Amino acid sequence: MRIAFAGTPEFARVALKLLLDAGFDVPLVLTQPDRPAGRGLKLQASAVKALAVERGLAVVQPRSLRLDGKYPEDARAARDALAAAQLDAMVVAAYGLILPPWVLQLPARGCLNIHASLLPRWRGAAPIHRAIEAGDAETGITIMQMDEGLDTGDMLLTEREAIRSDDSTATLHDRLATLGGRLIVEALEAAACGGLVRLPQPAEGVTYAHKIEKVEASIDWSRQAAEIERRVRAFDPFPGASFQHAGETVKLWRATVAPGQAAPGTVLIAAEGLLRVACGDAALDLQQLQRPGGRRIGARDFLAGRPILCAGTTL
């Protein structure tokens, strides 16, 4: 089968690699334009582009795929490249651009999406983050036949993945990326011999995983301790849960629920490597923190630094 691949970040790169390793013919890769990154703000290729270049694949990077949009010349160039590729199917994974109808209809077998949730739960941009934040016991991968809706297409393959009590978005992302790559290979192999069955998504249980915003990073100590702890894990590595102390924005990367009661945000213990802060219903032991410009450190090293943090302080 001749497969076009559309994706941008590491999640998509894993799937592309597994498709190539499985022997699929990928004559064309679509990915987002290079973006400024790092302290020097130098243009940096996406993870998918880096792999495609390494494997000698043709790459196009349209700013839009809408023929009537802001960048029609980009869309026309992408359309010409896709048409010339004579595709059987197109695989989409965390691409970042909306696919208009002409893209969905161009490949003979349509477009298949690797979605990191058990649809219809967590349609949308941030399914991994939101599943952890909500305290879901499990998530998974759905291979979906794309239509014009937001993650509304028929399901082709699904597989469940347990969410561990210590999972962050980073750790769960890596497992789901590998699972998604394996499932899309299985789906395409089944499609080649007519073995895929399309199953409409249930009408009940629809939830939306809205994009993570930086403003969500600030910790509200009045929330329940378990809810804050889940947010800490859900926002690792981006945007990172944070609080203010002595004029600094301190990021919190790991915490555990602990007993304790006081006004929310009150430091209950700050000694002998233990940093405990009161929340709305209990408390949290802050275990891994990061000052601006520093690295992630444990509570003992954090307390040994400056400025001093002591019991009774309000964060």
C-alpha atoms as a PDB file:
ATOM      1  CA  MET A   1       0.000   0.000   0.000  1.00  0.00           C
ATOM      2  CA  ARG A   2       1.116   3.548  -0.787  1.00  0.00           C
ATOM      3  CA  ILE A   3       0.645   5.653   2.321  1.00  0.00           C
ATOM      4  CA  ALA A   4       0.977   9.384   2.862  1.00  0.00           C
ATOM      5  CA  PHE A   5       1.759  10.304   6.453  1.00  0.00           C
ATOM      6  CA  ALA A   6       0.696  13.532   8.184  1.00  0.00           C
ATOM      7  CA  GLY A   7       2.060  14.254  11.645  1.00  0.00           C
ATOM      8  CA  THR A   8       4.338  16.556  13.588  1.00  0.00           C
ATOM      9  CA  PRO A   9       5.528  15.694  17.147  1.00  0.00           C
ATOM     10  CA  GLU A  10       7.248  12.688  18.715  1.00  0.00           C
ATOM     11  CA  PHE A  11       3.961  10.792  19.076  1.00  0.00           C
ATOM     12  CA  ALA A  12       3.629  10.823  15.278  1.00  0.00           C
ATOM     13  CA  ARG A  13       7.315  10.106  14.652  1.00  0.00           C
ATOM     14  CA  VAL A  14       7.013   6.773  16.468  1.00  0.00           C
ATOM     15  CA  ALA A  15       4.120   5.739  14.219  1.00  0.00           C
ATOM     16  CA  LEU A  16       5.943   6.757  11.042  1.00  0.00           C
ATOM     17  CA  LYS A  17       9.000   4.769  12.070  1.00  0.00           C
ATOM     18  CA  LEU A  18       6.951   1.643  12.728  1.00  0.00           C
ATOM     19  CA  LEU A  19       5.169   1.994   9.384  1.00  0.00           C
ATOM     20  CA  LEU A  20       8.482   2.282   7.578  1.00  0.00           C
ATOM     21  CA  ASP A  21       9.966  -0.620   9.537  1.00  0.00           C
ATOM     22  CA  ALA A  22       6.925  -2.715   8.551  1.00  0.00           C
ATOM     23  CA  GLY A  23       7.714  -2.097   4.886  1.00  0.00           C
ATOM     24  CA  PHE A  24       4.941   0.294   3.907  1.00  0.00           C
ATOM     25  CA  ASP A  25       5.639   2.546   0.923  1.00  0.00           C
ATOM     26  CA  VAL A  26       5.472   6.157   2.155  1.00  0.00           C
ATOM     27  CA  PRO A  27       6.044   8.405  -0.867  1.00  0.00           C
ATOM     28  CA  LEU A  28       5.034  11.627   0.911  1.00  0.00           C
ATOM     29  CA  VAL A  29       5.103  13.109   4.412  1.00  0.00           C
ATOM     30  CA  LEU A  30       3.172  16.191   5.548  1.00  0.00           C
ATOM     31  CA  THR A  31       4.270  18.016   8.675  1.00  0.00           C
ATOM     32  CA  GLN A  32       4.047  21.463  10.233  1.00  0.00           C
ATOM     33  CA  PRO A  33       6.462  24.191   9.082  1.00  0.00           C
ATOM     34  CA  ASP A  34       9.735  24.538  10.995  1.00  0.00           C
ATOM     35  CA  ARG A  35       9.286  26.597  14.175  1.00  0.00           C
ATOM     36  CA  PRO A  36      11.638  28.803  16.235  1.00  0.00           C
ATOM     37  CA  ALA A  37      12.808  26.907  19.307  1.00  0.00           C
ATOM     38  CA  GLY A  38      15.416  27.118  22.068  1.00  0.00           C
ATOM     39  CA  ARG A  39      17.062  30.176  23.545  1.00  0.00           C
ATOM     40  CA  GLY A  40      18.377  31.247  20.153  1.00  0.00           C
ATOM     41  CA  LEU A  41      14.951  30.813  18.553  1.00  0.00           C
ATOM     42  CA  LYS A  42      16.490  29.016  15.606  1.00  0.00           C
ATOM     43  CA  LEU A  43      14.143  27.276  13.192  1.00  0.00           C
ATOM     44  CA  GLN A  44      13.757  23.644  14.186  1.00  0.00           C
ATOM     45  CA  ALA A  45      12.263  20.799  12.176  1.00  0.00           C
ATOM     46  CA  SER A  46       9.509  18.687  13.664  1.00  0.00           C
ATOM     47  CA  ALA A  47      10.271  15.192  14.939  1.00  0.00           C
ATOM     48  CA  VAL A  48       8.430  13.763  11.926  1.00  0.00           C
ATOM     49  CA  LYS A  49      10.388  15.860   9.438  1.00  0.00           C
ATOM     50  CA  ALA A  50      13.688  14.836  11.016  1.00  0.00           C
ATOM     51  CA  LEU A  51      12.854  11.151  10.548  1.00  0.00           C
ATOM     52  CA  ALA A  52      11.505  11.681   7.027  1.00  0.00           C
ATOM     53  CA  VAL A  53      14.684  13.465   5.948  1.00  0.00           C
ATOM     54  CA  GLU A  54      16.796  10.746   7.549  1.00  0.00           C
ATOM     55  CA  ARG A  55      14.879   8.101   5.561  1.00  0.00           C
ATOM     56  CA  GLY A  56      14.977  10.101   2.312  1.00  0.00           C
ATOM     57  CA  LEU A  57      11.228  10.719   2.124  1.00  0.00           C
ATOM     58  CA  ALA A  58       9.618  13.629   0.283  1.00  0.00           C
ATOM     59  CA  VAL A  59       8.292  16.245   2.719  1.00  0.00           C
ATOM     60  CA  VAL A  60       5.791  19.085   2.270  1.00  0.00           C
ATOM     61  CA  GLN A  61       5.069  21.627   5.017  1.00  0.00           C
ATOM     62  CA  PRO A  62       1.939  23.623   4.167  1.00  0.00           C
ATOM     63  CA  ARG A  63       0.817  26.356   6.516  1.00  0.00           C
ATOM     64  CA  SER A  64      -2.773  25.471   5.631  1.00  0.00           C
ATOM     65  CA  LEU A  65      -4.639  22.913   3.536  1.00  0.00           C
ATOM     66  CA  ARG A  66      -7.618  25.140   2.814  1.00  0.00           C
ATOM     67  CA  LEU A  67      -7.767  26.088  -0.856  1.00  0.00           C
ATOM     68  CA  ASP A  68      -9.844  29.163   0.061  1.00  0.00           C
ATOM     69  CA  GLY A  69      -7.827  30.043   3.144  1.00  0.00           C
ATOM     70  CA  LYS A  70      -4.979  32.403   4.000  1.00  0.00           C
ATOM     71  CA  TYR A  71      -2.302  30.343   2.230  1.00  0.00           C
ATOM     72  CA  PRO A  72      -3.947  28.924  -0.920  1.00  0.00           C
ATOM     73  CA  GLU A  73      -0.572  28.464  -2.605  1.00  0.00           C
ATOM     74  CA  ASP A  74       0.489  26.080   0.170  1.00  0.00           C
ATOM     75  CA  ALA A  75      -2.760  24.123  -0.155  1.00  0.00           C
ATOM     76  CA  ARG A  76      -2.434  23.854  -3.937  1.00  0.00           C
ATOM     77  CA  ALA A  77       1.142  22.610  -3.678  1.00  0.00           C
ATOM     78  CA  ALA A  78       0.101  20.002  -1.099  1.00  0.00           C
ATOM     79  CA  ARG A  79      -2.843  18.941  -3.276  1.00  0.00           C
ATOM     80  CA  ASP A  80      -0.596  18.456  -6.290  1.00  0.00           C
ATOM     81  CA  ALA A  81       1.922  16.435  -4.260  1.00  0.00           C
ATOM     82  CA  LEU A  82      -0.787  14.221  -2.753  1.00  0.00           C
ATOM     83  CA  ALA A  83      -2.457  13.630  -6.117  1.00  0.00           C
ATOM     84  CA  ALA A  84       0.853  12.710  -7.741  1.00  0.00           C
ATOM     85  CA  ALA A  85       1.578  10.179  -4.977  1.00  0.00           C
ATOM     86  CA  GLN A  86      -1.357   7.971  -6.091  1.00  0.00           C
ATOM     87  CA  LEU A  87      -2.244   7.024  -2.540  1.00  0.00           C
ATOM     88  CA  ASP A  88      -4.097   4.049  -1.164  1.00  0.00           C
ATOM     89  CA  ALA A  89      -4.512   5.726   2.221  1.00  0.00           C
ATOM     90  CA  MET A  90      -3.294   8.543   4.417  1.00  0.00           C
ATOM     91  CA  VAL A  91      -2.299   8.135   8.061  1.00  0.00           C
ATOM     92  CA  VAL A  92      -2.763  11.130  10.365  1.00  0.00           C
ATOM     93  CA  ALA A  93      -1.253  11.422  13.851  1.00  0.00           C
ATOM     94  CA  ALA A  94      -1.112  14.678  15.834  1.00  0.00           C
ATOM     95  CA  TYR A  95      -0.678  16.659  12.625  1.00  0.00           C
ATOM     96  CA  GLY A  96      -1.992  19.999  13.868  1.00  0.00           C
ATOM     97  CA  LEU A  97      -3.885  21.103  10.745  1.00  0.00           C
ATOM     98  CA  ILE A  98      -7.559  20.545   9.956  1.00  0.00           C
ATOM     99  CA  LEU A  99      -8.038  18.304   6.933  1.00  0.00           C
ATOM    100  CA  PRO A 100     -10.610  19.773   4.508  1.00  0.00           C
ATOM    101  CA  PRO A 101     -12.934  17.493   2.508  1.00  0.00           C
ATOM    102  CA  TRP A 102     -10.678  17.365  -0.551  1.00  0.00           C
ATOM    103  CA  VAL A 103      -7.903  15.752   1.551  1.00  0.00           C
ATOM    104  CA  LEU A 104     -10.252  13.256   3.205  1.00  0.00           C
ATOM    105  CA  GLN A 105     -11.611  12.154  -0.160  1.00  0.00           C
ATOM    106  CA  LEU A 106      -8.358  11.975  -2.116  1.00  0.00           C
ATOM    107  CA  PRO A 107      -6.828   8.611  -1.004  1.00  0.00           C
ATOM    108  CA  ALA A 108      -8.604   5.489  -2.258  1.00  0.00           C
ATOM    109  CA  ARG A 109      -9.169   4.213   1.297  1.00  0.00           C
ATOM    110  CA  GLY A 110      -9.521   7.618   2.914  1.00  0.00           C
ATOM    111  CA  CYS A 111      -7.633   8.963   5.938  1.00  0.00           C
ATOM    112  CA  LEU A 112      -6.957   6.975   9.117  1.00  0.00           C
ATOM    113  CA  ASN A 113      -6.258   8.767  12.358  1.00  0.00           C
ATOM    114  CA  ILE A 114      -4.283   7.506  15.376  1.00  0.00           C
ATOM    115  CA  HIS A 115      -6.129   9.006  18.344  1.00  0.00           C
ATOM    116  CA  ALA A 116      -4.819   8.682  21.901  1.00  0.00           C
ATOM    117  CA  SER A 117      -8.049   7.863  23.715  1.00  0.00           C
ATOM    118  CA  LEU A 118     -10.898   5.374  23.761  1.00  0.00           C
ATOM    119  CA  LEU A 119     -13.366   7.312  21.648  1.00  0.00           C
ATOM    120  CA  PRO A 120     -15.808   8.904  22.110  1.00  0.00           C
ATOM    121  CA  ARG A 121     -14.156   9.851  25.405  1.00  0.00           C
ATOM    122  CA  TRP A 122     -11.638  12.657  25.035  1.00  0.00           C
ATOM    123  CA  ARG A 123     -12.138  13.865  21.531  1.00  0.00           C
ATOM    124  CA  GLY A 124      -9.964  16.863  20.811  1.00  0.00           C
ATOM    125  CA  ALA A 125      -6.464  18.220  21.259  1.00  0.00           C
ATOM    126  CA  ALA A 126      -5.189  16.934  24.624  1.00  0.00           C
ATOM    127  CA  PRO A 127      -6.613  13.453  25.351  1.00  0.00           C
ATOM    128  CA  ILE A 128      -3.595  12.184  27.321  1.00  0.00           C
ATOM    129  CA  HIS A 129      -3.431  15.207  29.632  1.00  0.00           C
ATOM    130  CA  ARG A 130      -7.155  15.270  30.279  1.00  0.00           C
ATOM    131  CA  ALA A 131      -7.426  11.547  30.999  1.00  0.00           C
ATOM    132  CA  ILE A 132      -4.801  11.845  33.753  1.00  0.00           C
ATOM    133  CA  GLU A 133      -6.270  15.074  35.084  1.00  0.00           C
ATOM    134  CA  ALA A 134      -9.736  13.488  35.327  1.00  0.00           C
ATOM    135  CA  GLY A 135      -8.434  10.456  37.202  1.00  0.00           C
ATOM    136  CA  ASP A 136      -9.402   7.935  34.508  1.00  0.00           C
ATOM    137  CA  ALA A 137      -8.322   4.379  35.294  1.00  0.00           C
ATOM    138  CA  GLU A 138      -7.588   3.596  31.656  1.00  0.00           C
ATOM    139  CA  THR A 139      -7.225   5.098  28.227  1.00  0.00           C
ATOM    140  CA  GLY A 140      -5.984   3.670  24.958  1.00  0.00           C
ATOM    141  CA  ILE A 141      -5.661   4.103  21.216  1.00  0.00           C
ATOM    142  CA  THR A 142      -8.419   4.313  18.644  1.00  0.00           C
ATOM    143  CA  ILE A 143      -7.678   3.956  14.939  1.00  0.00           C
ATOM    144  CA  MET A 144     -10.432   5.984  13.330  1.00  0.00           C
ATOM    145  CA  GLN A 145     -11.701   6.511   9.788  1.00  0.00           C
ATOM    146  CA  MET A 146     -11.648  10.290   9.546  1.00  0.00           C
ATOM    147  CA  ASP A 147     -14.648  12.363   8.538  1.00  0.00           C
ATOM    148  CA  GLU A 148     -15.294  16.112   8.628  1.00  0.00           C
ATOM    149  CA  GLY A 149     -16.168  16.185  12.342  1.00  0.00           C
ATOM    150  CA  LEU A 150     -13.864  16.592  15.330  1.00  0.00           C
ATOM    151  CA  ASP A 151     -12.794  12.997  16.028  1.00  0.00           C
ATOM    152  CA  THR A 152     -16.266  11.732  15.117  1.00  0.00           C
ATOM    153  CA  GLY A 153     -15.361   9.099  12.503  1.00  0.00           C
ATOM    154  CA  ASP A 154     -16.008   5.363  12.651  1.00  0.00           C
ATOM    155  CA  MET A 155     -13.716   3.269  14.835  1.00  0.00           C
ATOM    156  CA  LEU A 156     -11.555   0.625  13.142  1.00  0.00           C
ATOM    157  CA  LEU A 157      -9.347  -0.718  15.942  1.00  0.00           C
ATOM    158  CA  THR A 158      -9.074   0.019  19.655  1.00  0.00           C
ATOM    159  CA  GLU A 159      -6.799  -1.170  22.426  1.00  0.00           C
ATOM    160  CA  ARG A 160      -6.893  -0.255  26.102  1.00  0.00           C
ATOM    161  CA  GLU A 161      -3.985   0.930  28.249  1.00  0.00           C
ATOM    162  CA  ALA A 162      -4.104   1.232  32.033  1.00  0.00           C
ATOM    163  CA  ILE A 163      -3.195   4.588  33.565  1.00  0.00           C
ATOM    164  CA  ARG A 164      -0.776   3.982  36.411  1.00  0.00           C
ATOM    165  CA  SER A 165      -0.996   5.911  39.659  1.00  0.00           C
ATOM    166  CA  ASP A 166       2.378   7.552  38.967  1.00  0.00           C
ATOM    167  CA  ASP A 167       1.878   8.201  35.243  1.00  0.00           C
ATOM    168  CA  SER A 168       2.657  11.644  33.910  1.00  0.00           C
ATOM    169  CA  THR A 169       1.675  12.794  30.460  1.00  0.00           C
ATOM    170  CA  ALA A 170       5.271  12.102  29.428  1.00  0.00           C
ATOM    171  CA  THR A 171       5.292   8.454  30.523  1.00  0.00           C
ATOM    172  CA  LEU A 172       1.793   7.663  29.282  1.00  0.00           C
ATOM    173  CA  HIS A 173       2.516   9.435  25.996  1.00  0.00           C
ATOM    174  CA  ASP A 174       5.458   7.141  25.291  1.00  0.00           C
ATOM    175  CA  ARG A 175       3.449   3.956  25.851  1.00  0.00           C
ATOM    176  CA  LEU A 176       0.551   5.216  23.756  1.00  0.00           C
ATOM    177  CA  ALA A 177       2.860   6.323  20.950  1.00  0.00           C
ATOM    178  CA  THR A 178       4.238   2.796  20.648  1.00  0.00           C
ATOM    179  CA  LEU A 179       0.759   1.288  20.912  1.00  0.00           C
ATOM    180  CA  GLY A 180      -0.566   3.667  18.260  1.00  0.00           C
ATOM    181  CA  GLY A 181       2.230   2.771  15.862  1.00  0.00           C
ATOM    182  CA  ARG A 182       1.589  -0.928  16.319  1.00  0.00           C
ATOM    183  CA  LEU A 183      -2.174  -0.570  15.836  1.00  0.00           C
ATOM    184  CA  ILE A 184      -1.915   1.496  12.657  1.00  0.00           C
ATOM    185  CA  VAL A 185       0.333  -1.171  11.146  1.00  0.00           C
ATOM    186  CA  GLU A 186      -2.276  -3.801  12.072  1.00  0.00           C
ATOM    187  CA  ALA A 187      -5.088  -1.657  10.665  1.00  0.00           C
ATOM    188  CA  LEU A 188      -3.394  -1.100   7.318  1.00  0.00           C
ATOM    189  CA  GLU A 189      -2.458  -4.771   6.995  1.00  0.00           C
ATOM    190  CA  ALA A 190      -6.087  -5.693   7.669  1.00  0.00           C
ATOM    191  CA  ALA A 191      -7.343  -3.034   5.248  1.00  0.00           C
ATOM    192  CA  ALA A 192      -5.154  -4.458   2.487  1.00  0.00           C
ATOM    193  CA  CYS A 193      -7.090  -7.729   2.626  1.00  0.00           C
ATOM    194  CA  GLY A 194     -10.521  -6.246   3.383  1.00  0.00           C
ATOM    195  CA  GLY A 195     -10.504  -7.261   7.040  1.00  0.00           C
ATOM    196  CA  LEU A 196     -11.339  -3.953   8.717  1.00  0.00           C
ATOM    197  CA  VAL A 197     -14.794  -3.454  10.218  1.00  0.00           C
ATOM    198  CA  ARG A 198     -16.069   0.100  10.736  1.00  0.00           C
ATOM    199  CA  LEU A 199     -17.932   0.669  13.989  1.00  0.00           C
ATOM    200  CA  PRO A 200     -19.789   3.962  14.590  1.00  0.00           C
ATOM    201  CA  GLN A 201     -18.887   5.732  17.798  1.00  0.00           C
ATOM    202  CA  PRO A 202     -21.443   5.525  20.625  1.00  0.00           C
ATOM    203  CA  ALA A 203     -23.652   8.578  21.010  1.00  0.00           C
ATOM    204  CA  GLU A 204     -23.167   8.508  24.792  1.00  0.00           C
ATOM    205  CA  GLY A 205     -19.991   9.239  26.712  1.00  0.00           C
ATOM    206  CA  VAL A 206     -18.652  12.035  24.521  1.00  0.00           C
ATOM    207  CA  THR A 207     -16.126  14.301  26.271  1.00  0.00           C
ATOM    208  CA  TYR A 208     -13.779  16.936  24.868  1.00  0.00           C
ATOM    209  CA  ALA A 209     -10.086  17.243  25.669  1.00  0.00           C
ATOM    210  CA  HIS A 210      -9.593  20.958  25.276  1.00  0.00           C
ATOM    211  CA  LYS A 211      -6.131  22.266  24.474  1.00  0.00           C
ATOM    212  CA  ILE A 212      -3.875  22.792  27.492  1.00  0.00           C
ATOM    213  CA  GLU A 213      -3.365  26.484  28.228  1.00  0.00           C
ATOM    214  CA  LYS A 214      -0.475  27.983  30.188  1.00  0.00           C
ATOM    215  CA  VAL A 215      -2.921  29.751  32.498  1.00  0.00           C
ATOM    216  CA  GLU A 216      -3.955  26.349  33.853  1.00  0.00           C
ATOM    217  CA  ALA A 217      -0.463  25.811  35.279  1.00  0.00           C
ATOM    218  CA  SER A 218      -0.953  27.926  38.418  1.00  0.00           C
ATOM    219  CA  ILE A 219      -1.842  25.711  41.390  1.00  0.00           C
ATOM    220  CA  ASP A 220      -5.055  26.538  43.223  1.00  0.00           C
ATOM    221  CA  TRP A 221      -4.364  25.212  46.711  1.00  0.00           C
ATOM    222  CA  SER A 222      -8.075  25.383  47.599  1.00  0.00           C
ATOM    223  CA  ARG A 223      -8.732  22.398  45.335  1.00  0.00           C
ATOM    224  CA  GLN A 224      -8.688  18.867  46.720  1.00  0.00           C
ATOM    225  CA  ALA A 225      -5.217  17.417  47.189  1.00  0.00           C
ATOM    226  CA  ALA A 226      -5.848  14.451  44.887  1.00  0.00           C
ATOM    227  CA  GLU A 227      -7.059  16.767  42.139  1.00  0.00           C
ATOM    228  CA  ILE A 228      -3.915  18.911  42.377  1.00  0.00           C
ATOM    229  CA  GLU A 229      -1.707  15.811  42.385  1.00  0.00           C
ATOM    230  CA  ARG A 230      -3.329  14.591  39.172  1.00  0.00           C
ATOM    231  CA  ARG A 231      -2.855  17.983  37.564  1.00  0.00           C
ATOM    232  CA  VAL A 232       0.827  17.924  38.481  1.00  0.00           C
ATOM    233  CA  ARG A 233       1.214  14.662  36.569  1.00  0.00           C
ATOM    234  CA  ALA A 234      -1.080  15.749  33.722  1.00  0.00           C
ATOM    235  CA  PHE A 235       0.925  18.935  33.129  1.00  0.00           C
ATOM    236  CA  ASP A 236       4.292  17.175  32.987  1.00  0.00           C
ATOM    237  CA  PRO A 237       6.113  18.079  30.748  1.00  0.00           C
ATOM    238  CA  PHE A 238       3.888  20.977  29.610  1.00  0.00           C
ATOM    239  CA  PRO A 239       3.026  23.488  30.920  1.00  0.00           C
ATOM    240  CA  GLY A 240       4.232  22.321  34.351  1.00  0.00           C
ATOM    241  CA  ALA A 241       2.153  22.983  37.483  1.00  0.00           C
ATOM    242  CA  SER A 242       3.560  25.965  39.372  1.00  0.00           C
ATOM    243  CA  PHE A 243       3.213  28.232  42.408  1.00  0.00           C
ATOM    244  CA  GLN A 244       4.694  31.543  43.511  1.00  0.00           C
ATOM    245  CA  HIS A 245       7.234  31.898  46.323  1.00  0.00           C
ATOM    246  CA  ALA A 246       9.369  34.944  47.125  1.00  0.00           C
ATOM    247  CA  GLY A 247       8.758  36.419  43.698  1.00  0.00           C
ATOM    248  CA  GLU A 248       9.726  33.225  41.884  1.00  0.00           C
ATOM    249  CA  THR A 249       7.624  30.864  39.814  1.00  0.00           C
ATOM    250  CA  VAL A 250       8.414  27.396  41.164  1.00  0.00           C
ATOM    251  CA  LYS A 251       7.383  24.375  39.133  1.00  0.00           C
ATOM    252  CA  LEU A 252       6.087  21.274  40.877  1.00  0.00           C
ATOM    253  CA  TRP A 253       6.717  17.988  39.075  1.00  0.00           C
ATOM    254  CA  ARG A 254       5.834  15.369  41.673  1.00  0.00           C
ATOM    255  CA  ALA A 255       3.675  15.279  44.797  1.00  0.00           C
ATOM    256  CA  THR A 256       1.757  12.820  46.964  1.00  0.00           C
ATOM    257  CA  VAL A 257      -1.406  13.235  49.006  1.00  0.00           C
ATOM    258  CA  ALA A 258      -0.762  13.502  52.766  1.00  0.00           C
ATOM    259  CA  PRO A 259      -2.757  14.217  55.937  1.00  0.00           C
ATOM    260  CA  GLY A 260      -2.994  17.754  57.205  1.00  0.00           C
ATOM    261  CA  GLN A 261      -5.442  20.613  57.611  1.00  0.00           C
ATOM    262  CA  ALA A 262      -4.984  24.381  57.518  1.00  0.00           C
ATOM    263  CA  ALA A 263      -5.826  27.309  55.295  1.00  0.00           C
ATOM    264  CA  PRO A 264      -5.126  26.253  51.687  1.00  0.00           C
ATOM    265  CA  GLY A 265      -1.584  27.092  50.623  1.00  0.00           C
ATOM    266  CA  THR A 266      -0.171  27.048  54.162  1.00  0.00           C
ATOM    267  CA  VAL A 267       3.185  25.300  54.521  1.00  0.00           C
ATOM    268  CA  LEU A 268       2.645  22.724  57.285  1.00  0.00           C
ATOM    269  CA  ILE A 269       6.121  21.171  57.375  1.00  0.00           C
ATOM    270  CA  ALA A 270       9.381  22.421  55.860  1.00  0.00           C
ATOM    271  CA  ALA A 271      12.133  20.424  57.531  1.00  0.00           C
ATOM    272  CA  GLU A 272      14.266  17.296  57.185  1.00  0.00           C
ATOM    273  CA  GLY A 273      13.488  16.885  53.505  1.00  0.00           C
ATOM    274  CA  LEU A 274       9.717  17.090  53.950  1.00  0.00           C
ATOM    275  CA  LEU A 275       7.727  19.919  52.378  1.00  0.00           C
ATOM    276  CA  ARG A 276       3.997  19.627  53.117  1.00  0.00           C
ATOM    277  CA  VAL A 277       1.379  22.150  51.985  1.00  0.00           C
ATOM    278  CA  ALA A 278      -2.288  22.320  52.980  1.00  0.00           C
ATOM    279  CA  CYS A 279      -4.930  21.982  50.264  1.00  0.00           C
ATOM    280  CA  GLY A 280      -8.703  22.231  50.257  1.00  0.00           C
ATOM    281  CA  ASP A 281      -9.340  18.910  51.982  1.00  0.00           C
ATOM    282  CA  ALA A 282      -5.952  17.499  53.009  1.00  0.00           C
ATOM    283  CA  ALA A 283      -2.337  18.220  52.101  1.00  0.00           C
ATOM    284  CA  LEU A 284       0.370  17.472  49.555  1.00  0.00           C
ATOM    285  CA  ASP A 285       3.976  16.468  50.084  1.00  0.00           C
ATOM    286  CA  LEU A 286       5.907  18.311  47.378  1.00  0.00           C
ATOM    287  CA  GLN A 287       8.589  15.906  46.207  1.00  0.00           C
ATOM    288  CA  GLN A 288      10.151  17.264  43.019  1.00  0.00           C
ATOM    289  CA  LEU A 289      10.449  20.969  42.305  1.00  0.00           C
ATOM    290  CA  GLN A 290      12.265  23.343  39.984  1.00  0.00           C
ATOM    291  CA  ARG A 291      13.307  26.953  40.438  1.00  0.00           C
ATOM    292  CA  PRO A 292      13.615  29.268  37.414  1.00  0.00           C
ATOM    293  CA  GLY A 293      16.695  28.363  35.396  1.00  0.00           C
ATOM    294  CA  GLY A 294      17.412  25.321  37.547  1.00  0.00           C
ATOM    295  CA  ARG A 295      16.903  21.609  37.242  1.00  0.00           C
ATOM    296  CA  ARG A 296      14.361  19.338  38.860  1.00  0.00           C
ATOM    297  CA  ILE A 297      15.387  18.618  42.463  1.00  0.00           C
ATOM    298  CA  GLY A 298      13.992  16.843  45.496  1.00  0.00           C
ATOM    299  CA  ALA A 299      12.361  18.592  48.439  1.00  0.00           C
ATOM    300  CA  ARG A 300      15.485  18.272  50.624  1.00  0.00           C
ATOM    301  CA  ASP A 301      17.658  20.139  48.115  1.00  0.00           C
ATOM    302  CA  PHE A 302      14.908  22.666  47.482  1.00  0.00           C
ATOM    303  CA  LEU A 303      14.612  23.461  51.202  1.00  0.00           C
ATOM    304  CA  ALA A 304      18.387  23.815  51.483  1.00  0.00           C
ATOM    305  CA  GLY A 305      18.381  26.575  48.871  1.00  0.00           C
ATOM    306  CA  ARG A 306      17.458  30.208  48.985  1.00  0.00           C
ATOM    307  CA  PRO A 307      15.096  31.903  49.631  1.00  0.00           C
ATOM    308  CA  ILE A 308      14.151  30.189  52.881  1.00  0.00           C
ATOM    309  CA  LEU A 309      10.793  28.424  53.024  1.00  0.00           C
ATOM    310  CA  CYS A 310       9.439  27.610  56.472  1.00  0.00           C
ATOM    311  CA  ALA A 311       6.332  26.302  58.189  1.00  0.00           C
ATOM    312  CA  GLY A 312       3.565  28.852  58.389  1.00  0.00           C
ATOM    313  CA  THR A 313       4.426  30.445  55.055  1.00  0.00           C
ATOM    314  CA  THR A 314       1.470  30.889  52.732  1.00  0.00           C
ATOM    315  CA  LEU A 315       2.033  30.056  49.072  1.00  0.00           C
END
